[in-house]
Amino acid sequence: MARIAMLGLEQMPVELREAIARGQDSRMLSSSKPVQVWAHRPQVALAWLALMESLHCDSLLEERLRELLRLKIASITNCQACQVARKSDQVSEQDIACLASDSERFSPAEQAGLRFAELFAGDYMTIGDEHYAQLAQYFTSAQVVELNMYCALMLAGGRMTYVQQAY
């Protein structure tokens, strides 16, 4: 049970209900439950969802990479809701079973992204210039910025959902 009362969909502003529907249609949201907690602050919830939607639907990063990053962060933070959600068919159960950043099942770009996400979520103080140099081998500066923002959003969102027990 959520630690903060979840508002019913009918209690939310139309704009927020529409954002939830879009998120579920695009598979950005696997559940409305976190948003039903955030709905106590509808304008802030809308802003959060707008950023998620931008990174999900208008991304410079490939869908497969985003899903790998999301699942890697979920495995580190132990967010069960995030771990069971599937937001892309481009990542197989075999990929998920082997999210090691050095696995040959992943491309060099995916390996670099997974390593960065692993450090971002678990040991961020060790991220150094060498990690950014490795990312620059595979990604443009704009993609590296987006990768950072996506990791931050997934880390924060997963922790917030877990702490609020909104799943």
N, C-alpha and C. Protein backbone atom coordinates (compact mmCIF):
# COMPACT_ATOMS: atom_id res chain seq x y z
N MET A 1 0.83 -1.18 0.00
CA MET A 1 0.00 0.00 0.00
C MET A 1 0.88 1.24 0.00
N ALA A 2 0.51 2.21 -0.81
CA ALA A 2 1.28 3.44 -0.91
C ALA A 2 1.29 4.17 0.43
N ARG A 3 2.42 4.80 0.72
CA ARG A 3 2.57 5.54 1.98
C ARG A 3 1.84 6.88 1.95
N ILE A 4 1.52 7.35 0.78
CA ILE A 4 0.73 8.56 0.60
C ILE A 4 -0.50 8.15 -0.18
N ALA A 5 -1.64 8.60 0.24
CA ALA A 5 -2.89 8.18 -0.40
C ALA A 5 -2.84 8.45 -1.90
N MET A 6 -3.25 7.45 -2.66
CA MET A 6 -3.34 7.61 -4.11
C MET A 6 -4.69 8.24 -4.44
N LEU A 7 -4.66 9.27 -5.26
CA LEU A 7 -5.91 9.87 -5.72
C LEU A 7 -6.51 9.01 -6.83
N GLY A 8 -7.81 8.93 -6.86
CA GLY A 8 -8.48 8.24 -7.95
C GLY A 8 -8.32 9.03 -9.24
N LEU A 9 -8.33 8.33 -10.35
CA LEU A 9 -8.18 9.01 -11.63
C LEU A 9 -9.24 10.09 -11.81
N GLU A 10 -10.44 9.82 -11.34
CA GLU A 10 -11.53 10.80 -11.47
C GLU A 10 -11.29 12.06 -10.65
N GLN A 11 -10.38 12.01 -9.69
CA GLN A 11 -10.07 13.18 -8.85
C GLN A 11 -9.00 14.07 -9.47
N MET A 12 -8.37 13.60 -10.52
CA MET A 12 -7.26 14.33 -11.14
C MET A 12 -7.76 15.28 -12.20
N PRO A 13 -7.00 16.34 -12.44
CA PRO A 13 -7.33 17.22 -13.56
C PRO A 13 -7.27 16.43 -14.88
N VAL A 14 -8.08 16.82 -15.82
CA VAL A 14 -8.14 16.15 -17.13
C VAL A 14 -6.75 16.07 -17.75
N GLU A 15 -6.00 17.14 -17.66
CA GLU A 15 -4.65 17.20 -18.25
C GLU A 15 -3.76 16.07 -17.72
N LEU A 16 -3.87 15.78 -16.43
CA LEU A 16 -3.05 14.74 -15.84
C LEU A 16 -3.55 13.35 -16.26
N ARG A 17 -4.84 13.18 -16.32
CA ARG A 17 -5.40 11.90 -16.81
C ARG A 17 -4.96 11.65 -18.25
N GLU A 18 -4.96 12.68 -19.06
CA GLU A 18 -4.54 12.54 -20.46
C GLU A 18 -3.06 12.18 -20.55
N ALA A 19 -2.24 12.78 -19.68
CA ALA A 19 -0.80 12.47 -19.67
C ALA A 19 -0.58 11.02 -19.26
N ILE A 20 -1.36 10.53 -18.31
CA ILE A 20 -1.26 9.12 -17.90
C ILE A 20 -1.64 8.22 -19.07
N ALA A 21 -2.72 8.54 -19.74
CA ALA A 21 -3.17 7.72 -20.88
C ALA A 21 -2.11 7.68 -21.98
N ARG A 22 -1.52 8.83 -22.30
CA ARG A 22 -0.45 8.86 -23.30
C ARG A 22 0.73 8.01 -22.85
N GLY A 23 1.09 8.13 -21.57
CA GLY A 23 2.21 7.37 -21.04
C GLY A 23 1.98 5.87 -21.08
N GLN A 24 0.77 5.46 -20.80
CA GLN A 24 0.47 4.03 -20.86
C GLN A 24 0.39 3.54 -22.30
N ASP A 25 -0.17 4.35 -23.19
CA ASP A 25 -0.24 3.98 -24.61
C ASP A 25 1.15 3.79 -25.22
N SER A 26 2.10 4.64 -24.82
CA SER A 26 3.45 4.57 -25.38
C SER A 26 4.36 3.59 -24.62
N ARG A 27 3.84 3.01 -23.55
CA ARG A 27 4.58 2.11 -22.65
C ARG A 27 5.59 2.84 -21.78
N MET A 28 5.55 4.16 -21.78
CA MET A 28 6.40 4.93 -20.89
C MET A 28 6.03 4.63 -19.44
N LEU A 29 4.72 4.51 -19.17
CA LEU A 29 4.22 4.18 -17.84
C LEU A 29 3.67 2.76 -17.86
N SER A 30 4.13 1.96 -16.93
CA SER A 30 3.57 0.61 -16.82
C SER A 30 2.44 0.58 -15.80
N SER A 31 2.31 1.64 -15.01
CA SER A 31 1.28 1.73 -13.99
C SER A 31 0.96 3.20 -13.75
N SER A 32 -0.28 3.47 -13.39
CA SER A 32 -0.66 4.85 -13.03
C SER A 32 -0.43 5.12 -11.55
N LYS A 33 -0.10 4.09 -10.77
CA LYS A 33 -0.02 4.24 -9.32
C LYS A 33 0.94 5.33 -8.85
N PRO A 34 2.18 5.39 -9.34
CA PRO A 34 3.03 6.49 -8.87
C PRO A 34 2.41 7.86 -9.15
N VAL A 35 1.82 8.02 -10.32
CA VAL A 35 1.23 9.30 -10.70
C VAL A 35 0.02 9.61 -9.81
N GLN A 36 -0.65 8.57 -9.36
CA GLN A 36 -1.79 8.79 -8.47
C GLN A 36 -1.34 9.34 -7.12
N VAL A 37 -0.11 9.09 -6.74
CA VAL A 37 0.47 9.73 -5.55
C VAL A 37 0.90 11.15 -5.91
N TRP A 38 1.61 11.29 -7.01
CA TRP A 38 2.10 12.62 -7.42
C TRP A 38 0.95 13.58 -7.68
N ALA A 39 -0.22 13.06 -7.93
CA ALA A 39 -1.38 13.90 -8.28
C ALA A 39 -1.77 14.88 -7.18
N HIS A 40 -1.23 14.70 -6.00
CA HIS A 40 -1.44 15.70 -4.95
C HIS A 40 -0.79 17.03 -5.35
N ARG A 41 0.16 16.97 -6.29
CA ARG A 41 0.82 18.15 -6.86
C ARG A 41 0.72 18.04 -8.38
N PRO A 42 -0.47 18.27 -8.93
CA PRO A 42 -0.69 17.98 -10.36
C PRO A 42 0.24 18.72 -11.30
N GLN A 43 0.56 19.98 -11.04
CA GLN A 43 1.44 20.71 -11.96
C GLN A 43 2.85 20.14 -11.96
N VAL A 44 3.32 19.73 -10.79
CA VAL A 44 4.65 19.12 -10.69
C VAL A 44 4.63 17.74 -11.35
N ALA A 45 3.56 16.99 -11.13
CA ALA A 45 3.42 15.68 -11.77
C ALA A 45 3.44 15.83 -13.29
N LEU A 46 2.74 16.84 -13.79
CA LEU A 46 2.73 17.08 -15.24
C LEU A 46 4.13 17.42 -15.76
N ALA A 47 4.87 18.21 -15.00
CA ALA A 47 6.23 18.56 -15.42
C ALA A 47 7.12 17.32 -15.45
N TRP A 48 7.01 16.47 -14.43
CA TRP A 48 7.79 15.23 -14.38
C TRP A 48 7.44 14.35 -15.58
N LEU A 49 6.15 14.19 -15.82
CA LEU A 49 5.70 13.35 -16.93
C LEU A 49 6.13 13.93 -18.28
N ALA A 50 6.14 15.25 -18.39
CA ALA A 50 6.58 15.89 -19.64
C ALA A 50 8.04 15.57 -19.92
N LEU A 51 8.88 15.60 -18.89
CA LEU A 51 10.29 15.26 -19.08
C LEU A 51 10.42 13.78 -19.44
N MET A 52 9.69 12.92 -18.73
CA MET A 52 9.72 11.49 -19.07
C MET A 52 9.29 11.27 -20.51
N GLU A 53 8.21 11.95 -20.90
CA GLU A 53 7.68 11.77 -22.25
C GLU A 53 8.68 12.24 -23.30
N SER A 54 9.33 13.34 -23.04
CA SER A 54 10.33 13.85 -23.97
C SER A 54 11.48 12.85 -24.14
N LEU A 55 11.96 12.32 -23.02
CA LEU A 55 13.06 11.36 -23.08
C LEU A 55 12.62 10.01 -23.63
N HIS A 56 11.35 9.71 -23.54
CA HIS A 56 10.85 8.43 -24.05
C HIS A 56 10.47 8.51 -25.53
N CYS A 57 9.81 9.58 -25.92
CA CYS A 57 9.23 9.66 -27.27
C CYS A 57 10.06 10.49 -28.26
N ASP A 58 10.94 11.33 -27.76
CA ASP A 58 11.71 12.21 -28.64
C ASP A 58 13.19 12.12 -28.27
N SER A 59 13.66 10.90 -28.13
CA SER A 59 15.01 10.66 -27.62
C SER A 59 16.05 10.64 -28.73
N LEU A 60 17.24 11.05 -28.38
CA LEU A 60 18.39 10.91 -29.27
C LEU A 60 19.04 9.54 -29.11
N LEU A 61 18.65 8.85 -28.04
CA LEU A 61 19.21 7.53 -27.75
C LEU A 61 18.27 6.44 -28.28
N GLU A 62 18.85 5.34 -28.69
CA GLU A 62 18.05 4.24 -29.20
C GLU A 62 17.18 3.65 -28.09
N GLU A 63 16.01 3.19 -28.47
CA GLU A 63 15.06 2.61 -27.52
C GLU A 63 15.68 1.45 -26.73
N ARG A 64 16.39 0.59 -27.42
CA ARG A 64 17.01 -0.56 -26.75
C ARG A 64 17.98 -0.10 -25.67
N LEU A 65 18.80 0.89 -25.97
CA LEU A 65 19.77 1.39 -24.99
C LEU A 65 19.04 1.98 -23.78
N ARG A 66 18.01 2.77 -24.02
CA ARG A 66 17.27 3.36 -22.90
C ARG A 66 16.69 2.27 -22.00
N GLU A 67 16.14 1.23 -22.60
CA GLU A 67 15.56 0.16 -21.80
C GLU A 67 16.65 -0.58 -21.02
N LEU A 68 17.79 -0.82 -21.63
CA LEU A 68 18.90 -1.45 -20.91
C LEU A 68 19.35 -0.59 -19.73
N LEU A 69 19.47 0.71 -19.96
CA LEU A 69 19.89 1.62 -18.89
C LEU A 69 18.87 1.61 -17.75
N ARG A 70 17.60 1.68 -18.11
CA ARG A 70 16.53 1.71 -17.10
C ARG A 70 16.56 0.44 -16.25
N LEU A 71 16.70 -0.69 -16.91
CA LEU A 71 16.71 -1.97 -16.19
C LEU A 71 17.99 -2.15 -15.37
N LYS A 72 19.11 -1.64 -15.86
CA LYS A 72 20.36 -1.72 -15.10
C LYS A 72 20.22 -0.92 -13.81
N ILE A 73 19.69 0.29 -13.91
CA ILE A 73 19.51 1.12 -12.72
C ILE A 73 18.51 0.46 -11.77
N ALA A 74 17.45 -0.11 -12.30
CA ALA A 74 16.46 -0.80 -11.46
C ALA A 74 17.09 -1.97 -10.72
N SER A 75 18.01 -2.67 -11.36
CA SER A 75 18.65 -3.81 -10.70
C SER A 75 19.55 -3.34 -9.56
N ILE A 76 20.14 -2.17 -9.69
CA ILE A 76 21.03 -1.64 -8.65
C ILE A 76 20.23 -1.08 -7.49
N THR A 77 19.14 -0.41 -7.79
CA THR A 77 18.33 0.20 -6.74
C THR A 77 17.32 -0.77 -6.13
N ASN A 78 17.23 -1.97 -6.70
CA ASN A 78 16.29 -2.99 -6.24
C ASN A 78 14.84 -2.52 -6.31
N CYS A 79 14.52 -1.70 -7.28
CA CYS A 79 13.14 -1.26 -7.47
C CYS A 79 12.40 -2.38 -8.21
N GLN A 80 11.61 -3.14 -7.47
CA GLN A 80 10.92 -4.28 -8.06
C GLN A 80 9.91 -3.85 -9.12
N ALA A 81 9.22 -2.74 -8.87
CA ALA A 81 8.26 -2.25 -9.86
C ALA A 81 8.97 -1.94 -11.17
N CYS A 82 10.14 -1.33 -11.08
CA CYS A 82 10.91 -0.99 -12.27
C CYS A 82 11.48 -2.24 -12.94
N GLN A 83 11.87 -3.22 -12.13
CA GLN A 83 12.47 -4.43 -12.68
C GLN A 83 11.48 -5.27 -13.46
N VAL A 84 10.23 -5.30 -13.04
CA VAL A 84 9.26 -6.15 -13.74
C VAL A 84 8.61 -5.46 -14.93
N ALA A 85 8.67 -4.14 -14.98
CA ALA A 85 8.07 -3.40 -16.10
C ALA A 85 8.91 -3.62 -17.36
N ARG A 86 8.24 -3.77 -18.48
CA ARG A 86 8.90 -3.90 -19.78
C ARG A 86 8.39 -2.79 -20.67
N LYS A 87 9.33 -1.95 -21.12
CA LYS A 87 8.95 -0.78 -21.89
C LYS A 87 9.43 -0.86 -23.33
N SER A 88 10.05 -1.97 -23.68
CA SER A 88 10.54 -2.16 -25.04
C SER A 88 10.64 -3.64 -25.35
N ASP A 89 10.23 -4.00 -26.55
CA ASP A 89 10.38 -5.38 -27.01
C ASP A 89 11.77 -5.63 -27.59
N GLN A 90 12.59 -4.60 -27.65
CA GLN A 90 13.94 -4.75 -28.21
C GLN A 90 14.94 -5.34 -27.23
N VAL A 91 14.51 -5.52 -25.98
CA VAL A 91 15.36 -6.12 -24.96
C VAL A 91 14.72 -7.45 -24.56
N SER A 92 15.48 -8.51 -24.69
CA SER A 92 14.96 -9.85 -24.40
C SER A 92 15.18 -10.21 -22.93
N GLU A 93 14.51 -11.25 -22.52
CA GLU A 93 14.72 -11.77 -21.15
C GLU A 93 16.16 -12.24 -20.98
N GLN A 94 16.79 -12.73 -22.05
CA GLN A 94 18.18 -13.14 -21.99
C GLN A 94 19.09 -11.92 -21.77
N ASP A 95 18.76 -10.80 -22.41
CA ASP A 95 19.51 -9.56 -22.18
C ASP A 95 19.41 -9.16 -20.71
N ILE A 96 18.20 -9.23 -20.18
CA ILE A 96 17.95 -8.80 -18.81
C ILE A 96 18.68 -9.70 -17.82
N ALA A 97 18.74 -10.98 -18.12
CA ALA A 97 19.43 -11.92 -17.23
C ALA A 97 20.93 -11.67 -17.19
N CYS A 98 21.44 -10.94 -18.18
CA CYS A 98 22.88 -10.70 -18.28
C CYS A 98 23.13 -9.23 -18.52
N LEU A 99 22.82 -8.39 -17.57
CA LEU A 99 23.00 -6.95 -17.75
C LEU A 99 24.42 -6.49 -17.41
N ALA A 100 25.37 -7.38 -17.46
CA ALA A 100 26.76 -7.01 -17.17
C ALA A 100 27.29 -6.08 -18.25
N SER A 101 27.95 -5.04 -17.83
CA SER A 101 28.43 -4.04 -18.79
C SER A 101 29.56 -4.56 -19.67
N ASP A 102 30.11 -5.70 -19.33
CA ASP A 102 31.19 -6.26 -20.16
C ASP A 102 30.73 -7.48 -20.98
N SER A 103 29.44 -7.73 -21.01
CA SER A 103 28.92 -8.87 -21.75
C SER A 103 29.03 -8.64 -23.25
N GLU A 104 29.48 -9.66 -23.96
CA GLU A 104 29.60 -9.57 -25.42
C GLU A 104 28.25 -9.55 -26.12
N ARG A 105 27.18 -9.80 -25.37
CA ARG A 105 25.84 -9.77 -25.97
C ARG A 105 25.44 -8.32 -26.31
N PHE A 106 26.15 -7.35 -25.72
CA PHE A 106 25.84 -5.95 -25.95
C PHE A 106 26.90 -5.30 -26.84
N SER A 107 26.46 -4.34 -27.64
CA SER A 107 27.38 -3.61 -28.51
C SER A 107 28.35 -2.79 -27.65
N PRO A 108 29.48 -2.35 -28.22
CA PRO A 108 30.39 -1.51 -27.45
C PRO A 108 29.72 -0.24 -26.91
N ALA A 109 28.82 0.35 -27.69
CA ALA A 109 28.10 1.55 -27.21
C ALA A 109 27.20 1.19 -26.03
N GLU A 110 26.50 0.05 -26.14
CA GLU A 110 25.64 -0.38 -25.04
C GLU A 110 26.47 -0.70 -23.80
N GLN A 111 27.62 -1.32 -23.99
CA GLN A 111 28.50 -1.62 -22.86
C GLN A 111 28.94 -0.32 -22.16
N ALA A 112 29.31 0.68 -22.94
CA ALA A 112 29.73 1.95 -22.36
C ALA A 112 28.57 2.60 -21.59
N GLY A 113 27.40 2.57 -22.18
CA GLY A 113 26.23 3.14 -21.52
C GLY A 113 25.87 2.39 -20.25
N LEU A 114 25.91 1.07 -20.30
CA LEU A 114 25.62 0.26 -19.12
C LEU A 114 26.63 0.50 -18.00
N ARG A 115 27.88 0.61 -18.36
CA ARG A 115 28.92 0.88 -17.35
C ARG A 115 28.67 2.24 -16.71
N PHE A 116 28.34 3.23 -17.51
CA PHE A 116 28.06 4.55 -16.97
C PHE A 116 26.84 4.50 -16.04
N ALA A 117 25.77 3.85 -16.46
CA ALA A 117 24.56 3.74 -15.64
C ALA A 117 24.86 3.02 -14.33
N GLU A 118 25.68 1.98 -14.42
CA GLU A 118 26.06 1.23 -13.23
C GLU A 118 26.76 2.13 -12.22
N LEU A 119 27.70 2.91 -12.70
CA LEU A 119 28.41 3.83 -11.81
C LEU A 119 27.51 4.96 -11.34
N PHE A 120 26.71 5.49 -12.23
CA PHE A 120 25.80 6.59 -11.90
C PHE A 120 24.89 6.20 -10.74
N ALA A 121 24.37 4.99 -10.78
CA ALA A 121 23.42 4.53 -9.76
C ALA A 121 24.10 3.98 -8.51
N GLY A 122 25.31 3.47 -8.66
CA GLY A 122 25.90 2.77 -7.53
C GLY A 122 27.19 3.34 -6.98
N ASP A 123 27.94 4.06 -7.79
CA ASP A 123 29.26 4.54 -7.34
C ASP A 123 29.63 5.80 -8.11
N TYR A 124 28.73 6.78 -8.10
CA TYR A 124 28.86 7.96 -8.95
C TYR A 124 30.13 8.78 -8.70
N MET A 125 30.70 8.69 -7.52
CA MET A 125 31.90 9.50 -7.24
C MET A 125 33.13 8.98 -7.98
N THR A 126 33.04 7.79 -8.55
CA THR A 126 34.18 7.25 -9.32
C THR A 126 34.09 7.63 -10.80
N ILE A 127 33.01 8.24 -11.22
CA ILE A 127 32.91 8.65 -12.62
C ILE A 127 33.92 9.75 -12.89
N GLY A 128 34.75 9.52 -13.89
CA GLY A 128 35.79 10.48 -14.20
C GLY A 128 35.85 10.80 -15.69
N ASP A 129 36.85 11.57 -16.03
CA ASP A 129 37.03 11.98 -17.42
C ASP A 129 37.13 10.78 -18.37
N GLU A 130 37.73 9.69 -17.91
CA GLU A 130 37.88 8.51 -18.76
C GLU A 130 36.53 7.92 -19.15
N HIS A 131 35.55 8.03 -18.26
CA HIS A 131 34.22 7.52 -18.59
C HIS A 131 33.56 8.38 -19.67
N TYR A 132 33.74 9.69 -19.54
CA TYR A 132 33.19 10.58 -20.56
C TYR A 132 33.91 10.42 -21.88
N ALA A 133 35.20 10.16 -21.83
CA ALA A 133 35.95 9.92 -23.07
C ALA A 133 35.44 8.64 -23.75
N GLN A 134 35.13 7.62 -22.95
CA GLN A 134 34.60 6.39 -23.53
C GLN A 134 33.23 6.63 -24.15
N LEU A 135 32.36 7.37 -23.45
CA LEU A 135 31.05 7.68 -24.01
C LEU A 135 31.18 8.46 -25.32
N ALA A 136 32.14 9.38 -25.37
CA ALA A 136 32.34 10.21 -26.56
C ALA A 136 32.74 9.40 -27.80
N GLN A 137 33.24 8.19 -27.57
CA GLN A 137 33.58 7.31 -28.70
C GLN A 137 32.33 6.83 -29.44
N TYR A 138 31.20 6.82 -28.76
CA TYR A 138 29.99 6.22 -29.33
C TYR A 138 28.81 7.18 -29.43
N PHE A 139 28.87 8.28 -28.68
CA PHE A 139 27.73 9.18 -28.60
C PHE A 139 28.15 10.62 -28.85
N THR A 140 27.23 11.39 -29.41
CA THR A 140 27.47 12.84 -29.56
C THR A 140 27.37 13.49 -28.18
N SER A 141 27.80 14.72 -28.08
CA SER A 141 27.67 15.45 -26.81
C SER A 141 26.22 15.53 -26.37
N ALA A 142 25.32 15.79 -27.32
CA ALA A 142 23.90 15.88 -26.98
C ALA A 142 23.39 14.53 -26.45
N GLN A 143 23.84 13.44 -27.04
CA GLN A 143 23.43 12.12 -26.56
C GLN A 143 23.99 11.82 -25.17
N VAL A 144 25.21 12.26 -24.91
CA VAL A 144 25.80 12.05 -23.58
C VAL A 144 25.02 12.85 -22.53
N VAL A 145 24.64 14.07 -22.87
CA VAL A 145 23.81 14.86 -21.95
C VAL A 145 22.50 14.13 -21.70
N GLU A 146 21.87 13.65 -22.74
CA GLU A 146 20.60 12.95 -22.58
C GLU A 146 20.78 11.66 -21.77
N LEU A 147 21.85 10.94 -22.01
CA LEU A 147 22.13 9.73 -21.25
C LEU A 147 22.23 10.06 -19.76
N ASN A 148 22.92 11.13 -19.43
CA ASN A 148 23.02 11.58 -18.03
C ASN A 148 21.65 11.92 -17.46
N MET A 149 20.87 12.68 -18.21
CA MET A 149 19.55 13.08 -17.74
C MET A 149 18.63 11.87 -17.58
N TYR A 150 18.71 10.94 -18.51
CA TYR A 150 17.87 9.75 -18.45
C TYR A 150 18.24 8.91 -17.22
N CYS A 151 19.54 8.71 -17.00
CA CYS A 151 19.97 7.96 -15.81
C CYS A 151 19.49 8.65 -14.54
N ALA A 152 19.59 9.96 -14.50
CA ALA A 152 19.14 10.71 -13.31
C ALA A 152 17.65 10.54 -13.09
N LEU A 153 16.87 10.65 -14.13
CA LEU A 153 15.42 10.52 -14.02
C LEU A 153 15.02 9.11 -13.61
N MET A 154 15.67 8.10 -14.18
CA MET A 154 15.34 6.72 -13.82
C MET A 154 15.74 6.42 -12.39
N LEU A 155 16.89 6.92 -11.97
CA LEU A 155 17.34 6.70 -10.59
C LEU A 155 16.38 7.37 -9.61
N ALA A 156 16.08 8.63 -9.85
CA ALA A 156 15.19 9.37 -8.95
C ALA A 156 13.78 8.80 -8.96
N GLY A 157 13.26 8.51 -10.13
CA GLY A 157 11.90 7.98 -10.23
C GLY A 157 11.75 6.63 -9.56
N GLY A 158 12.73 5.77 -9.77
CA GLY A 158 12.69 4.45 -9.14
C GLY A 158 12.77 4.54 -7.63
N ARG A 159 13.64 5.39 -7.14
CA ARG A 159 13.76 5.54 -5.69
C ARG A 159 12.51 6.17 -5.09
N MET A 160 11.97 7.17 -5.78
CA MET A 160 10.76 7.81 -5.28
C MET A 160 9.60 6.82 -5.24
N THR A 161 9.44 6.03 -6.28
CA THR A 161 8.37 5.04 -6.32
C THR A 161 8.54 4.02 -5.20
N TYR A 162 9.76 3.58 -4.99
CA TYR A 162 10.02 2.60 -3.93
C TYR A 162 9.74 3.21 -2.55
N VAL A 163 10.27 4.38 -2.29
CA VAL A 163 10.12 5.01 -0.97
C VAL A 163 8.65 5.29 -0.67
N GLN A 164 7.92 5.73 -1.67
CA GLN A 164 6.49 6.02 -1.48
C GLN A 164 5.65 4.74 -1.49
N GLN A 165 6.26 3.61 -1.87
CA GLN A 165 5.55 2.34 -2.00
C GLN A 165 4.36 2.50 -2.96
N ALA A 166 4.59 3.23 -4.03
CA ALA A 166 3.54 3.56 -5.00
C ALA A 166 3.59 2.62 -6.20
N TYR A 167 3.49 1.34 -5.93
CA TYR A 167 3.50 0.35 -7.02
C TYR A 167 2.52 -0.76 -6.74
